[in-house]
């Protein structure tokens, strides 16, 4: 039986040999691994190491993370932890991937990494992103109601719960941006 420590040491040794294990070689390997069933247990560790070694791979890794959302990575607890770590390390690039998660998994991710809420809320409040989210959830009113509770902003004035939602346009069609409010125009 091969111990995980031996595998991680071997992977680390590979990442040190950048003339052999180039960015292109790693991308090809990751692309093949993401399609394996089951996913390798140390897959997310390898993805994170790849980004650390080759930061230019971040856009490619966003595609990998999107594939993992499609494969319901949250159902694989050890990989889910690595997924969330990778999303956290690659923010704000990973925000579009986070918004692909079903509401319950997004809530879990935001509970685990609470400091993502503010930056993700700012990202989601951009007009182009907001309109994309609105179209995405027009046919899923139940998901919208779940989403509305996810984006509570504790840094806003207390007692204004209805106005403290980050994506109010998903909940109320009469949302209008108030330019006099602080914190990026959130109502």
N, C-alpha and C. Protein backbone atom coordinates (compact mmCIF):
# COMPACT_ATOMS: atom_id res chain seq x y z
N UNK A 1 0.83 -1.18 0.00
CA UNK A 1 0.00 0.00 0.00
C UNK A 1 0.88 1.25 0.00
N UNK A 2 0.62 2.11 -0.93
CA UNK A 2 1.39 3.35 -1.03
C UNK A 2 0.77 4.37 -0.07
N UNK A 3 1.59 4.97 0.75
CA UNK A 3 1.12 5.97 1.70
C UNK A 3 0.92 7.31 1.00
N UNK A 4 -0.07 8.07 1.48
CA UNK A 4 -0.34 9.38 0.91
C UNK A 4 0.88 10.30 1.00
N UNK A 5 1.65 10.16 2.07
CA UNK A 5 2.82 11.01 2.22
C UNK A 5 3.81 10.77 1.09
N UNK A 6 3.94 9.52 0.67
CA UNK A 6 4.81 9.21 -0.46
C UNK A 6 4.29 9.81 -1.75
N UNK A 7 2.98 9.76 -1.92
CA UNK A 7 2.38 10.33 -3.12
C UNK A 7 2.55 11.84 -3.14
N UNK A 8 2.30 12.49 -2.02
CA UNK A 8 2.45 13.95 -1.98
C UNK A 8 3.90 14.36 -2.18
N UNK A 9 4.83 13.58 -1.63
CA UNK A 9 6.26 13.87 -1.84
C UNK A 9 6.62 13.71 -3.32
N UNK A 10 6.08 12.69 -3.95
CA UNK A 10 6.35 12.46 -5.37
C UNK A 10 5.78 13.60 -6.22
N UNK A 11 4.57 14.02 -5.89
CA UNK A 11 3.97 15.15 -6.62
C UNK A 11 4.78 16.42 -6.44
N UNK A 12 5.21 16.67 -5.22
CA UNK A 12 6.03 17.87 -4.96
C UNK A 12 7.33 17.82 -5.75
N UNK A 13 7.94 16.66 -5.83
CA UNK A 13 9.17 16.50 -6.61
C UNK A 13 8.91 16.79 -8.08
N UNK A 14 7.77 16.36 -8.58
CA UNK A 14 7.42 16.64 -9.99
C UNK A 14 7.27 18.14 -10.23
N UNK A 15 6.62 18.83 -9.30
CA UNK A 15 6.41 20.27 -9.47
C UNK A 15 7.73 21.04 -9.44
N UNK A 16 8.74 20.49 -8.80
CA UNK A 16 10.05 21.14 -8.77
C UNK A 16 10.79 21.01 -10.10
N UNK A 17 10.44 20.05 -10.90
CA UNK A 17 11.10 19.82 -12.20
C UNK A 17 10.32 20.52 -13.31
N UNK A 18 10.41 21.83 -13.33
CA UNK A 18 9.60 22.63 -14.24
C UNK A 18 9.99 22.50 -15.71
N UNK A 19 11.17 21.99 -15.99
CA UNK A 19 11.53 21.79 -17.40
C UNK A 19 10.84 20.55 -17.96
N UNK A 20 10.54 19.60 -17.09
CA UNK A 20 9.85 18.38 -17.52
C UNK A 20 8.34 18.56 -17.36
N UNK A 21 7.94 19.01 -16.18
CA UNK A 21 6.52 19.20 -15.88
C UNK A 21 6.17 20.67 -16.10
N UNK A 22 6.02 21.02 -17.35
CA UNK A 22 5.73 22.40 -17.74
C UNK A 22 4.25 22.72 -17.49
N UNK A 23 3.92 23.96 -17.69
CA UNK A 23 2.53 24.41 -17.55
C UNK A 23 1.61 23.61 -18.47
N UNK A 24 2.05 23.38 -19.69
CA UNK A 24 1.23 22.64 -20.65
C UNK A 24 1.05 21.18 -20.23
N UNK A 25 2.10 20.57 -19.73
CA UNK A 25 2.03 19.18 -19.28
C UNK A 25 1.06 19.06 -18.10
N UNK A 26 1.16 19.99 -17.16
CA UNK A 26 0.27 19.96 -16.00
C UNK A 26 -1.18 20.19 -16.41
N UNK A 27 -1.40 21.11 -17.32
CA UNK A 27 -2.76 21.38 -17.79
C UNK A 27 -3.36 20.14 -18.44
N UNK A 28 -2.58 19.47 -19.24
CA UNK A 28 -3.06 18.26 -19.90
C UNK A 28 -3.37 17.16 -18.87
N UNK A 29 -2.50 17.01 -17.90
CA UNK A 29 -2.70 16.00 -16.86
C UNK A 29 -3.96 16.32 -16.03
N UNK A 30 -4.12 17.57 -15.65
CA UNK A 30 -5.30 17.97 -14.87
C UNK A 30 -6.58 17.75 -15.67
N UNK A 31 -6.52 18.07 -16.95
CA UNK A 31 -7.67 17.90 -17.82
C UNK A 31 -8.08 16.43 -17.93
N UNK A 32 -7.10 15.55 -17.95
CA UNK A 32 -7.40 14.11 -17.99
C UNK A 32 -7.93 13.63 -16.64
N UNK A 33 -7.34 14.13 -15.56
CA UNK A 33 -7.76 13.69 -14.23
C UNK A 33 -9.18 14.13 -13.89
N UNK A 34 -9.58 15.33 -14.30
CA UNK A 34 -10.90 15.84 -13.93
C UNK A 34 -12.02 14.99 -14.53
N UNK A 35 -11.72 14.24 -15.58
CA UNK A 35 -12.72 13.38 -16.21
C UNK A 35 -12.73 11.97 -15.65
N UNK A 36 -11.82 11.66 -14.74
CA UNK A 36 -11.77 10.31 -14.16
C UNK A 36 -12.91 10.10 -13.17
N UNK A 37 -13.37 8.86 -13.12
CA UNK A 37 -14.36 8.47 -12.13
C UNK A 37 -13.83 7.24 -11.41
N UNK A 38 -13.68 7.32 -10.13
CA UNK A 38 -13.82 8.50 -9.27
C UNK A 38 -12.63 9.44 -9.47
N UNK A 39 -12.84 10.67 -9.01
CA UNK A 39 -11.74 11.64 -9.06
C UNK A 39 -10.64 11.20 -8.10
N UNK A 40 -9.39 11.40 -8.47
CA UNK A 40 -8.29 11.06 -7.55
C UNK A 40 -8.45 11.84 -6.23
N UNK A 41 -8.19 11.19 -5.14
CA UNK A 41 -8.36 11.79 -3.81
C UNK A 41 -7.53 13.06 -3.63
N UNK A 42 -6.35 13.09 -4.21
CA UNK A 42 -5.46 14.25 -4.06
C UNK A 42 -5.57 15.23 -5.24
N UNK A 43 -6.66 15.14 -5.99
CA UNK A 43 -6.82 15.97 -7.18
C UNK A 43 -6.77 17.47 -6.85
N UNK A 44 -7.53 17.90 -5.87
CA UNK A 44 -7.56 19.34 -5.56
C UNK A 44 -6.23 19.82 -5.01
N UNK A 45 -5.53 18.98 -4.30
CA UNK A 45 -4.19 19.35 -3.82
C UNK A 45 -3.28 19.59 -5.02
N UNK A 46 -3.40 18.73 -6.02
CA UNK A 46 -2.60 18.88 -7.23
C UNK A 46 -2.98 20.15 -7.99
N UNK A 47 -4.26 20.45 -8.05
CA UNK A 47 -4.73 21.68 -8.72
C UNK A 47 -4.14 22.91 -8.03
N UNK A 48 -4.19 22.92 -6.71
CA UNK A 48 -3.66 24.06 -5.94
C UNK A 48 -2.15 24.18 -6.14
N UNK A 49 -1.46 23.06 -6.14
CA UNK A 49 -0.01 23.09 -6.40
C UNK A 49 0.28 23.61 -7.80
N UNK A 50 -0.54 23.24 -8.76
CA UNK A 50 -0.35 23.69 -10.14
C UNK A 50 -0.49 25.21 -10.23
N UNK A 51 -1.48 25.76 -9.55
CA UNK A 51 -1.66 27.22 -9.56
C UNK A 51 -0.49 27.91 -8.86
N UNK A 52 -0.04 27.32 -7.76
CA UNK A 52 1.11 27.90 -7.05
C UNK A 52 2.35 27.91 -7.93
N UNK A 53 2.55 26.82 -8.68
CA UNK A 53 3.73 26.72 -9.54
C UNK A 53 3.59 27.57 -10.80
N UNK A 54 2.38 27.63 -11.35
CA UNK A 54 2.14 28.35 -12.61
C UNK A 54 0.88 29.20 -12.47
N UNK A 55 0.99 30.41 -11.92
CA UNK A 55 -0.18 31.28 -11.74
C UNK A 55 -0.94 31.56 -13.04
N UNK A 56 -0.28 31.45 -14.18
CA UNK A 56 -0.96 31.68 -15.46
C UNK A 56 -2.02 30.61 -15.74
N UNK A 57 -2.03 29.53 -14.98
CA UNK A 57 -3.03 28.48 -15.17
C UNK A 57 -4.38 28.81 -14.54
N UNK A 58 -4.51 29.96 -13.91
CA UNK A 58 -5.72 30.25 -13.14
C UNK A 58 -6.98 30.21 -14.00
N UNK A 59 -6.96 30.72 -15.21
CA UNK A 59 -8.16 30.67 -16.06
C UNK A 59 -8.50 29.24 -16.44
N UNK A 60 -7.48 28.45 -16.72
CA UNK A 60 -7.69 27.03 -17.02
C UNK A 60 -8.30 26.33 -15.80
N UNK A 61 -7.79 26.65 -14.63
CA UNK A 61 -8.29 26.04 -13.41
C UNK A 61 -9.75 26.43 -13.16
N UNK A 62 -10.16 27.62 -13.58
CA UNK A 62 -11.57 28.00 -13.43
C UNK A 62 -12.45 27.07 -14.25
N UNK A 63 -11.97 26.65 -15.42
CA UNK A 63 -12.71 25.67 -16.23
C UNK A 63 -12.79 24.33 -15.49
N UNK A 64 -11.70 23.95 -14.87
CA UNK A 64 -11.68 22.70 -14.09
C UNK A 64 -12.70 22.79 -12.94
N UNK A 65 -12.70 23.92 -12.24
CA UNK A 65 -13.63 24.09 -11.12
C UNK A 65 -15.08 24.06 -11.61
N UNK A 66 -15.35 24.65 -12.77
CA UNK A 66 -16.70 24.59 -13.34
C UNK A 66 -17.10 23.15 -13.64
N UNK A 67 -16.17 22.37 -14.15
CA UNK A 67 -16.46 20.94 -14.40
C UNK A 67 -16.77 20.23 -13.09
N UNK A 68 -16.06 20.60 -12.05
CA UNK A 68 -16.30 19.98 -10.74
C UNK A 68 -17.67 20.34 -10.18
N UNK A 69 -18.13 21.55 -10.47
CA UNK A 69 -19.49 21.92 -10.06
C UNK A 69 -20.49 21.02 -10.79
N UNK A 70 -20.27 20.83 -12.07
CA UNK A 70 -21.14 19.94 -12.85
C UNK A 70 -21.12 18.53 -12.29
N UNK A 71 -19.97 18.10 -11.80
CA UNK A 71 -19.83 16.75 -11.23
C UNK A 71 -20.25 16.69 -9.76
N UNK A 72 -20.79 17.78 -9.25
CA UNK A 72 -21.29 17.87 -7.88
C UNK A 72 -20.20 17.53 -6.86
N UNK A 73 -19.13 18.30 -6.92
CA UNK A 73 -17.97 18.08 -6.07
C UNK A 73 -18.32 18.11 -4.58
N UNK A 74 -19.37 18.79 -4.20
CA UNK A 74 -19.77 18.87 -2.79
C UNK A 74 -20.18 17.50 -2.24
N UNK A 75 -20.44 16.54 -3.11
CA UNK A 75 -20.79 15.19 -2.66
C UNK A 75 -19.54 14.35 -2.35
N UNK A 76 -18.37 14.94 -2.58
CA UNK A 76 -17.09 14.27 -2.30
C UNK A 76 -16.38 15.10 -1.24
N UNK A 77 -16.64 14.83 0.04
CA UNK A 77 -16.20 15.71 1.13
C UNK A 77 -14.73 16.15 1.09
N UNK A 78 -13.81 15.24 0.86
CA UNK A 78 -12.39 15.63 0.86
C UNK A 78 -12.07 16.53 -0.32
N UNK A 79 -12.65 16.27 -1.46
CA UNK A 79 -12.43 17.12 -2.63
C UNK A 79 -13.13 18.47 -2.47
N UNK A 80 -14.28 18.47 -1.81
CA UNK A 80 -15.03 19.71 -1.57
C UNK A 80 -14.20 20.68 -0.74
N UNK A 81 -13.52 20.18 0.28
CA UNK A 81 -12.66 21.04 1.10
C UNK A 81 -11.57 21.67 0.23
N UNK A 82 -10.94 20.88 -0.62
CA UNK A 82 -9.92 21.40 -1.53
C UNK A 82 -10.49 22.36 -2.55
N UNK A 83 -11.69 22.08 -3.05
CA UNK A 83 -12.38 22.96 -3.99
C UNK A 83 -12.57 24.34 -3.36
N UNK A 84 -13.08 24.36 -2.14
CA UNK A 84 -13.32 25.63 -1.45
C UNK A 84 -12.01 26.38 -1.18
N UNK A 85 -10.98 25.64 -0.85
CA UNK A 85 -9.67 26.27 -0.63
C UNK A 85 -9.17 26.90 -1.93
N UNK A 86 -9.34 26.19 -3.03
CA UNK A 86 -8.90 26.69 -4.33
C UNK A 86 -9.72 27.93 -4.74
N UNK A 87 -11.03 27.87 -4.53
CA UNK A 87 -11.90 29.01 -4.84
C UNK A 87 -11.46 30.23 -4.02
N UNK A 88 -11.18 29.99 -2.75
CA UNK A 88 -10.75 31.08 -1.88
C UNK A 88 -9.43 31.68 -2.35
N UNK A 89 -8.48 30.82 -2.69
CA UNK A 89 -7.16 31.29 -3.11
C UNK A 89 -7.18 32.01 -4.45
N UNK A 90 -8.16 31.71 -5.28
CA UNK A 90 -8.17 32.30 -6.62
C UNK A 90 -9.20 33.42 -6.77
N UNK A 91 -9.77 33.86 -5.65
CA UNK A 91 -10.72 34.97 -5.75
C UNK A 91 -10.00 36.23 -6.27
N UNK A 92 -10.59 37.08 -6.99
CA UNK A 92 -11.98 37.15 -7.43
C UNK A 92 -12.26 36.36 -8.72
N UNK A 93 -11.22 35.76 -9.30
CA UNK A 93 -11.42 35.01 -10.55
C UNK A 93 -12.44 33.89 -10.39
N UNK A 94 -12.54 33.34 -9.18
CA UNK A 94 -13.40 32.18 -8.95
C UNK A 94 -14.85 32.55 -8.63
N UNK A 95 -15.17 33.83 -8.56
CA UNK A 95 -16.53 34.21 -8.17
C UNK A 95 -17.59 33.67 -9.13
N UNK A 96 -17.29 33.66 -10.42
CA UNK A 96 -18.29 33.12 -11.36
C UNK A 96 -18.53 31.63 -11.12
N UNK A 97 -17.51 30.94 -10.65
CA UNK A 97 -17.66 29.51 -10.34
C UNK A 97 -18.53 29.36 -9.09
N UNK A 98 -18.29 30.16 -8.08
CA UNK A 98 -19.11 30.10 -6.86
C UNK A 98 -20.59 30.31 -7.19
N UNK A 99 -20.86 31.23 -8.09
CA UNK A 99 -22.25 31.52 -8.43
C UNK A 99 -22.90 30.43 -9.28
N UNK A 100 -22.11 29.44 -9.71
CA UNK A 100 -22.66 28.28 -10.41
C UNK A 100 -23.18 27.24 -9.43
N UNK A 101 -22.77 27.34 -8.18
CA UNK A 101 -23.18 26.36 -7.17
C UNK A 101 -24.67 26.48 -6.87
N UNK A 102 -25.32 25.37 -6.57
CA UNK A 102 -26.70 25.44 -6.08
C UNK A 102 -26.74 26.25 -4.78
N UNK A 103 -27.87 26.87 -4.47
CA UNK A 103 -27.96 27.73 -3.28
C UNK A 103 -27.47 27.10 -1.98
N UNK A 104 -27.82 25.86 -1.73
CA UNK A 104 -27.41 25.23 -0.47
C UNK A 104 -25.89 25.09 -0.39
N UNK A 105 -25.25 24.73 -1.49
CA UNK A 105 -23.79 24.58 -1.50
C UNK A 105 -23.11 25.95 -1.44
N UNK A 106 -23.70 26.95 -2.09
CA UNK A 106 -23.15 28.30 -2.01
C UNK A 106 -23.22 28.80 -0.58
N UNK A 107 -24.34 28.55 0.08
CA UNK A 107 -24.47 28.96 1.48
C UNK A 107 -23.41 28.29 2.34
N UNK A 108 -23.19 26.99 2.12
CA UNK A 108 -22.16 26.27 2.87
C UNK A 108 -20.77 26.83 2.62
N UNK A 109 -20.50 27.16 1.37
CA UNK A 109 -19.19 27.74 1.02
C UNK A 109 -19.00 29.09 1.71
N UNK A 110 -20.05 29.90 1.71
CA UNK A 110 -19.95 31.22 2.34
C UNK A 110 -19.90 31.12 3.85
N UNK A 111 -20.51 30.11 4.41
CA UNK A 111 -20.40 29.90 5.86
C UNK A 111 -18.99 29.47 6.23
N UNK A 112 -18.39 28.66 5.39
CA UNK A 112 -17.04 28.17 5.65
C UNK A 112 -16.00 29.29 5.46
N UNK A 113 -16.22 30.14 4.48
CA UNK A 113 -15.32 31.26 4.18
C UNK A 113 -16.13 32.55 4.20
N UNK A 114 -16.52 32.98 5.38
CA UNK A 114 -17.41 34.14 5.54
C UNK A 114 -16.83 35.41 4.92
N UNK A 115 -15.52 35.51 4.88
CA UNK A 115 -14.92 36.73 4.32
C UNK A 115 -15.04 36.79 2.80
N UNK A 116 -15.64 35.78 2.18
CA UNK A 116 -15.94 35.84 0.75
C UNK A 116 -17.24 36.60 0.48
N UNK A 117 -18.10 36.72 1.47
CA UNK A 117 -19.43 37.32 1.27
C UNK A 117 -19.36 38.72 0.67
N UNK A 118 -18.61 39.59 1.30
CA UNK A 118 -18.53 40.97 0.83
C UNK A 118 -18.01 41.09 -0.60
N UNK A 119 -16.83 40.51 -0.87
CA UNK A 119 -16.31 40.58 -2.24
C UNK A 119 -17.22 39.90 -3.27
N UNK A 120 -17.82 38.77 -2.90
CA UNK A 120 -18.73 38.08 -3.82
C UNK A 120 -19.98 38.92 -4.05
N UNK A 121 -20.46 39.57 -3.00
CA UNK A 121 -21.62 40.44 -3.13
C UNK A 121 -21.32 41.60 -4.07
N UNK A 122 -20.14 42.20 -3.93
CA UNK A 122 -19.75 43.29 -4.84
C UNK A 122 -19.70 42.80 -6.28
N UNK A 123 -19.15 41.63 -6.47
CA UNK A 123 -19.08 41.04 -7.80
C UNK A 123 -20.49 40.80 -8.35
N UNK A 124 -21.34 40.19 -7.53
CA UNK A 124 -22.70 39.86 -7.98
C UNK A 124 -23.55 41.10 -8.23
N UNK A 125 -23.18 42.22 -7.63
CA UNK A 125 -23.94 43.46 -7.79
C UNK A 125 -23.56 44.24 -9.04
N UNK A 126 -22.55 43.80 -9.76
CA UNK A 126 -22.20 44.46 -11.02
C UNK A 126 -23.35 44.27 -12.00
N UNK A 127 -23.70 45.32 -12.76
CA UNK A 127 -24.88 45.23 -13.64
C UNK A 127 -24.87 44.02 -14.59
N UNK A 128 -23.75 43.71 -15.21
CA UNK A 128 -23.74 42.59 -16.15
C UNK A 128 -23.91 41.26 -15.44
N UNK A 129 -23.31 41.13 -14.28
CA UNK A 129 -23.43 39.90 -13.51
C UNK A 129 -24.85 39.77 -12.96
N UNK A 130 -25.38 40.88 -12.45
CA UNK A 130 -26.72 40.88 -11.88
C UNK A 130 -27.76 40.47 -12.92
N UNK A 131 -27.62 40.98 -14.13
CA UNK A 131 -28.60 40.62 -15.17
C UNK A 131 -28.47 39.15 -15.56
N UNK A 132 -27.25 38.64 -15.56
CA UNK A 132 -27.03 37.22 -15.85
C UNK A 132 -27.68 36.36 -14.77
N UNK A 133 -27.47 36.76 -13.51
CA UNK A 133 -28.07 36.02 -12.40
C UNK A 133 -29.60 36.09 -12.46
N UNK A 134 -30.13 37.26 -12.81
CA UNK A 134 -31.58 37.41 -12.91
C UNK A 134 -32.14 36.46 -13.94
N UNK A 135 -31.50 36.39 -15.11
CA UNK A 135 -31.98 35.47 -16.17
C UNK A 135 -31.85 34.02 -15.72
N UNK A 136 -30.75 33.72 -15.04
CA UNK A 136 -30.51 32.35 -14.60
C UNK A 136 -31.59 31.88 -13.64
N UNK A 137 -32.07 32.78 -12.78
CA UNK A 137 -33.01 32.38 -11.74
C UNK A 137 -34.45 32.77 -12.02
N UNK A 138 -34.73 33.34 -13.17
CA UNK A 138 -36.12 33.69 -13.49
C UNK A 138 -37.04 32.48 -13.43
N UNK A 139 -36.57 31.33 -13.86
CA UNK A 139 -37.40 30.13 -13.90
C UNK A 139 -37.27 29.29 -12.63
N UNK A 140 -36.59 29.79 -11.63
CA UNK A 140 -36.39 29.00 -10.41
C UNK A 140 -36.66 29.87 -9.18
N UNK A 141 -37.91 30.22 -8.98
CA UNK A 141 -38.26 31.12 -7.88
C UNK A 141 -37.88 30.57 -6.51
N UNK A 142 -37.94 29.27 -6.33
CA UNK A 142 -37.55 28.70 -5.04
C UNK A 142 -36.08 28.93 -4.76
N UNK A 143 -35.24 28.79 -5.79
CA UNK A 143 -33.81 29.04 -5.62
C UNK A 143 -33.57 30.50 -5.29
N UNK A 144 -34.34 31.39 -5.87
CA UNK A 144 -34.17 32.81 -5.60
C UNK A 144 -34.42 33.09 -4.12
N UNK A 145 -35.46 32.49 -3.59
CA UNK A 145 -35.76 32.73 -2.19
C UNK A 145 -34.64 32.18 -1.30
N UNK A 146 -34.02 31.10 -1.72
CA UNK A 146 -32.88 30.57 -0.97
C UNK A 146 -31.70 31.51 -1.10
N UNK A 147 -31.48 32.03 -2.30
CA UNK A 147 -30.34 32.93 -2.53
C UNK A 147 -30.48 34.21 -1.72
N UNK A 148 -31.69 34.71 -1.60
CA UNK A 148 -31.84 36.00 -0.94
C UNK A 148 -31.33 35.96 0.48
N UNK A 149 -31.43 34.83 1.15
CA UNK A 149 -30.95 34.74 2.52
C UNK A 149 -29.44 34.58 2.61
N UNK A 150 -28.79 34.26 1.51
CA UNK A 150 -27.35 34.02 1.53
C UNK A 150 -26.52 35.29 1.62
N UNK A 151 -27.06 36.36 1.10
CA UNK A 151 -26.24 37.55 0.92
C UNK A 151 -26.58 38.65 1.93
N UNK A 152 -26.74 38.28 3.15
CA UNK A 152 -26.95 39.25 4.21
C UNK A 152 -25.64 39.98 4.48
N UNK A 153 -25.70 41.28 4.57
CA UNK A 153 -24.49 42.08 4.79
C UNK A 153 -24.51 42.65 6.21
N UNK A 154 -23.78 42.04 7.13
CA UNK A 154 -23.82 42.50 8.51
C UNK A 154 -23.21 43.87 8.71
N UNK A 155 -22.42 44.37 7.75
CA UNK A 155 -21.78 45.66 7.93
C UNK A 155 -22.72 46.82 7.63
N UNK A 156 -23.91 46.53 7.13
CA UNK A 156 -24.89 47.58 6.90
C UNK A 156 -25.67 47.84 8.18
N UNK A 157 -26.42 48.94 8.19
CA UNK A 157 -27.17 49.32 9.39
C UNK A 157 -28.14 48.22 9.79
N UNK A 158 -28.22 47.96 11.08
CA UNK A 158 -29.11 46.90 11.55
C UNK A 158 -30.56 47.35 11.43
N UNK A 159 -31.46 46.39 11.43
CA UNK A 159 -32.88 46.71 11.35
C UNK A 159 -33.39 46.99 9.96
N UNK A 160 -32.57 46.79 8.95
CA UNK A 160 -32.98 47.05 7.57
C UNK A 160 -32.83 45.77 6.76
N UNK A 161 -33.26 44.66 7.32
CA UNK A 161 -33.04 43.36 6.72
C UNK A 161 -33.49 43.30 5.26
N UNK A 162 -34.64 43.85 4.95
CA UNK A 162 -35.14 43.78 3.57
C UNK A 162 -34.24 44.53 2.60
N UNK A 163 -33.51 45.51 3.11
CA UNK A 163 -32.64 46.29 2.24
C UNK A 163 -31.20 45.82 2.29
N UNK A 164 -30.88 44.79 3.07
CA UNK A 164 -29.51 44.34 3.23
C UNK A 164 -29.19 43.13 2.36
N UNK A 165 -29.98 42.83 1.41
CA UNK A 165 -29.72 41.72 0.51
C UNK A 165 -28.85 42.22 -0.64
N UNK A 166 -27.88 41.44 -1.00
CA UNK A 166 -26.93 41.85 -2.02
C UNK A 166 -27.51 41.73 -3.42
N UNK A 167 -28.39 40.78 -3.62
CA UNK A 167 -28.95 40.60 -4.96
C UNK A 167 -30.45 40.86 -4.91
N UNK A 168 -30.86 42.08 -4.52
CA UNK A 168 -32.28 42.35 -4.40
C UNK A 168 -33.01 42.26 -5.74
N UNK A 169 -32.31 42.46 -6.83
CA UNK A 169 -32.98 42.38 -8.13
C UNK A 169 -33.46 40.97 -8.42
N UNK A 170 -32.87 39.98 -7.75
CA UNK A 170 -33.33 38.60 -7.94
C UNK A 170 -34.61 38.34 -7.15
N UNK A 171 -34.86 39.17 -6.17
CA UNK A 171 -35.98 38.94 -5.29
C UNK A 171 -37.15 39.87 -5.61
N UNK A 172 -36.85 41.14 -5.88
CA UNK A 172 -37.89 42.12 -6.16
C UNK A 172 -37.66 42.72 -7.54
N UNK A 173 -38.66 42.74 -8.34
CA UNK A 173 -38.50 43.31 -9.69
C UNK A 173 -38.46 44.82 -9.65
N UNK A 174 -38.88 45.43 -8.54
CA UNK A 174 -38.90 46.89 -8.46
C UNK A 174 -37.62 47.47 -7.88
N UNK A 175 -36.55 46.68 -7.87
CA UNK A 175 -35.26 47.13 -7.34
C UNK A 175 -34.72 48.29 -8.16
N UNK A 176 -34.29 49.30 -7.47
CA UNK A 176 -33.60 50.39 -8.16
C UNK A 176 -32.40 50.78 -7.33
N UNK A 177 -31.32 51.06 -7.98
CA UNK A 177 -30.07 51.36 -7.29
C UNK A 177 -30.12 52.75 -6.68
N UNK A 178 -29.77 52.85 -5.42
CA UNK A 178 -29.76 54.11 -4.71
C UNK A 178 -28.33 54.61 -4.66
N UNK A 179 -28.03 55.66 -5.38
CA UNK A 179 -26.66 56.14 -5.49
C UNK A 179 -26.16 56.80 -4.21
N UNK A 180 -27.07 57.08 -3.27
CA UNK A 180 -26.64 57.71 -2.02
C UNK A 180 -26.23 56.73 -0.95
N UNK A 181 -26.42 55.42 -1.19
CA UNK A 181 -26.05 54.46 -0.17
C UNK A 181 -24.59 54.13 -0.23
N UNK A 182 -24.08 53.74 0.92
CA UNK A 182 -22.68 53.33 0.99
C UNK A 182 -22.56 51.89 0.57
N UNK A 183 -21.36 51.39 0.54
CA UNK A 183 -21.07 49.97 0.29
C UNK A 183 -21.48 49.54 -1.10
N UNK A 184 -21.07 50.27 -2.12
CA UNK A 184 -21.26 49.83 -3.49
C UNK A 184 -22.68 49.93 -4.01
N UNK A 185 -23.53 50.75 -3.40
CA UNK A 185 -24.87 50.93 -3.91
C UNK A 185 -25.87 49.88 -3.49
N UNK A 186 -25.55 49.09 -2.48
CA UNK A 186 -26.52 48.10 -2.02
C UNK A 186 -27.62 48.84 -1.29
N UNK A 187 -28.83 48.39 -1.47
CA UNK A 187 -29.95 49.01 -0.75
C UNK A 187 -30.01 48.51 0.67
